[in-house]
């Protein structure tokens, strides 16, 4: 999967998670900068093995996380829409 395809897949995940198509009044897709930043963070997290939160080379420090999206979900909170 190419980086472009991954970014598109992450955008679809964000749209699903937020229940928001990010369309303006004229039906044109407008992606907020914060959403683009979230996509970049998802791409970065994708390069880290599952469950590994961070890793340092000097003095070897490794930390693990249960939820790789813990930093990303709060960024998306303002764009979430309730479903009825």
C-alpha atoms as a PDB file:
ATOM      1  CA  UNK A   1       0.000   0.000   0.000  1.00  0.00           C
ATOM      2  CA  UNK A   2       1.418   3.383  -0.984  1.00  0.00           C
ATOM      3  CA  UNK A   3       1.566   6.389   1.346  1.00  0.00           C
ATOM      4  CA  UNK A   4      -1.173   8.096  -0.669  1.00  0.00           C
ATOM      5  CA  UNK A   5      -3.444   5.069  -0.278  1.00  0.00           C
ATOM      6  CA  UNK A   6      -2.696   4.935   3.462  1.00  0.00           C
ATOM      7  CA  UNK A   7      -3.539   8.627   3.842  1.00  0.00           C
ATOM      8  CA  UNK A   8      -6.825   8.100   1.987  1.00  0.00           C
ATOM      9  CA  UNK A   9      -7.619   5.097   4.194  1.00  0.00           C
ATOM     10  CA  UNK A  10      -6.857   7.095   7.350  1.00  0.00           C
ATOM     11  CA  UNK A  11      -9.031   9.962   6.110  1.00  0.00           C
ATOM     12  CA  UNK A  12     -11.886   7.492   5.580  1.00  0.00           C
ATOM     13  CA  UNK A  13     -11.328   6.139   9.108  1.00  0.00           C
ATOM     14  CA  UNK A  14     -11.422   9.700  10.493  1.00  0.00           C
ATOM     15  CA  UNK A  15     -14.611  10.488   8.561  1.00  0.00           C
ATOM     16  CA  UNK A  16     -16.167   7.320   9.988  1.00  0.00           C
ATOM     17  CA  UNK A  17     -14.921   7.999  13.519  1.00  0.00           C
ATOM     18  CA  UNK A  18     -16.134  11.610  13.432  1.00  0.00           C
ATOM     19  CA  UNK A  19     -19.333  10.872  11.477  1.00  0.00           C
ATOM     20  CA  UNK A  20     -18.320  13.885   9.397  1.00  0.00           C
ATOM     21  CA  UNK A  21     -17.668  14.143   5.650  1.00  0.00           C
ATOM     22  CA  UNK A  22     -15.989  17.555   6.032  1.00  0.00           C
ATOM     23  CA  UNK A  23     -18.122  19.196   3.345  1.00  0.00           C
ATOM     24  CA  UNK A  24     -18.767  22.929   3.238  1.00  0.00           C
ATOM     25  CA  UNK A  25     -22.158  24.484   2.411  1.00  0.00           C
ATOM     26  CA  UNK A  26     -21.525  23.995  -1.308  1.00  0.00           C
ATOM     27  CA  UNK A  27     -20.646  20.304  -0.942  1.00  0.00           C
ATOM     28  CA  UNK A  28     -16.914  20.787  -1.432  1.00  0.00           C
ATOM     29  CA  UNK A  29     -14.626  18.677   0.772  1.00  0.00           C
ATOM     30  CA  UNK A  30     -12.653  20.882   3.168  1.00  0.00           C
ATOM     31  CA  UNK A  31     -10.244  19.020   5.424  1.00  0.00           C
ATOM     32  CA  UNK A  32      -9.221  21.016   8.540  1.00  0.00           C
ATOM     33  CA  UNK A  33      -5.509  21.374   9.300  1.00  0.00           C
ATOM     34  CA  UNK A  34      -5.955  19.442  12.558  1.00  0.00           C
ATOM     35  CA  UNK A  35      -7.340  16.481  10.611  1.00  0.00           C
ATOM     36  CA  UNK A  36      -4.325  16.579   8.281  1.00  0.00           C
ATOM     37  CA  UNK A  37      -2.078  16.649  11.354  1.00  0.00           C
ATOM     38  CA  UNK A  38      -3.947  13.628  12.753  1.00  0.00           C
ATOM     39  CA  UNK A  39      -3.368  11.789   9.460  1.00  0.00           C
ATOM     40  CA  UNK A  40       0.356  12.586   9.685  1.00  0.00           C
ATOM     41  CA  UNK A  41       0.442  11.264  13.268  1.00  0.00           C
ATOM     42  CA  UNK A  42      -1.370   8.101  12.139  1.00  0.00           C
ATOM     43  CA  UNK A  43       1.192   7.626   9.368  1.00  0.00           C
ATOM     44  CA  UNK A  44       3.970   8.047  11.940  1.00  0.00           C
ATOM     45  CA  UNK A  45       2.303   5.584  14.338  1.00  0.00           C
ATOM     46  CA  UNK A  46       1.930   3.138  11.459  1.00  0.00           C
ATOM     47  CA  UNK A  47       5.718   2.862  11.221  1.00  0.00           C
ATOM     48  CA  UNK A  48       5.955   1.723  14.874  1.00  0.00           C
ATOM     49  CA  UNK A  49       5.290  -1.989  15.549  1.00  0.00           C
ATOM     50  CA  UNK A  50       1.890  -2.759  17.134  1.00  0.00           C
ATOM     51  CA  UNK A  51       1.811  -2.185  20.877  1.00  0.00           C
ATOM     52  CA  UNK A  52       5.089  -0.252  20.861  1.00  0.00           C
ATOM     53  CA  UNK A  53       4.462   3.346  21.895  1.00  0.00           C
ATOM     54  CA  UNK A  54       7.960   4.774  21.601  1.00  0.00           C
ATOM     55  CA  UNK A  55      11.543   3.659  21.385  1.00  0.00           C
ATOM     56  CA  UNK A  56      14.864   5.405  22.033  1.00  0.00           C
ATOM     57  CA  UNK A  57      18.192   4.154  20.719  1.00  0.00           C
ATOM     58  CA  UNK A  58      20.546   5.842  23.207  1.00  0.00           C
ATOM     59  CA  UNK A  59      20.332   4.069  26.583  1.00  0.00           C
ATOM     60  CA  UNK A  60      17.629   1.824  25.036  1.00  0.00           C
ATOM     61  CA  UNK A  61      14.213   2.913  26.304  1.00  0.00           C
ATOM     62  CA  UNK A  62      11.034   1.212  25.079  1.00  0.00           C
ATOM     63  CA  UNK A  63       7.446   1.874  26.130  1.00  0.00           C
ATOM     64  CA  UNK A  64       4.298   0.029  25.146  1.00  0.00           C
ATOM     65  CA  UNK A  65       0.739   1.255  24.743  1.00  0.00           C
ATOM     66  CA  UNK A  66      -2.640  -0.416  24.513  1.00  0.00           C
ATOM     67  CA  UNK A  67      -4.174   2.345  22.382  1.00  0.00           C
ATOM     68  CA  UNK A  68      -2.068   3.733  19.538  1.00  0.00           C
ATOM     69  CA  UNK A  69      -4.717   6.383  18.851  1.00  0.00           C
ATOM     70  CA  UNK A  70      -4.798   7.894  22.357  1.00  0.00           C
ATOM     71  CA  UNK A  71      -3.129  11.113  21.157  1.00  0.00           C
ATOM     72  CA  UNK A  72      -5.137  11.309  17.943  1.00  0.00           C
ATOM     73  CA  UNK A  73      -8.702  10.866  19.179  1.00  0.00           C
ATOM     74  CA  UNK A  74      -8.657  14.050  21.330  1.00  0.00           C
ATOM     75  CA  UNK A  75      -7.487  16.017  18.276  1.00  0.00           C
ATOM     76  CA  UNK A  76     -10.576  14.835  16.397  1.00  0.00           C
ATOM     77  CA  UNK A  77     -13.072  15.510  19.220  1.00  0.00           C
ATOM     78  CA  UNK A  78     -14.139  18.960  17.903  1.00  0.00           C
ATOM     79  CA  UNK A  79     -15.108  17.419  14.551  1.00  0.00           C
ATOM     80  CA  UNK A  80     -17.227  14.538  15.883  1.00  0.00           C
ATOM     81  CA  UNK A  81     -20.934  14.669  15.136  1.00  0.00           C
ATOM     82  CA  UNK A  82     -23.590  12.785  17.037  1.00  0.00           C
ATOM     83  CA  UNK A  83     -25.554  10.107  15.237  1.00  0.00           C
ATOM     84  CA  UNK A  84     -29.285   9.959  15.757  1.00  0.00           C
END
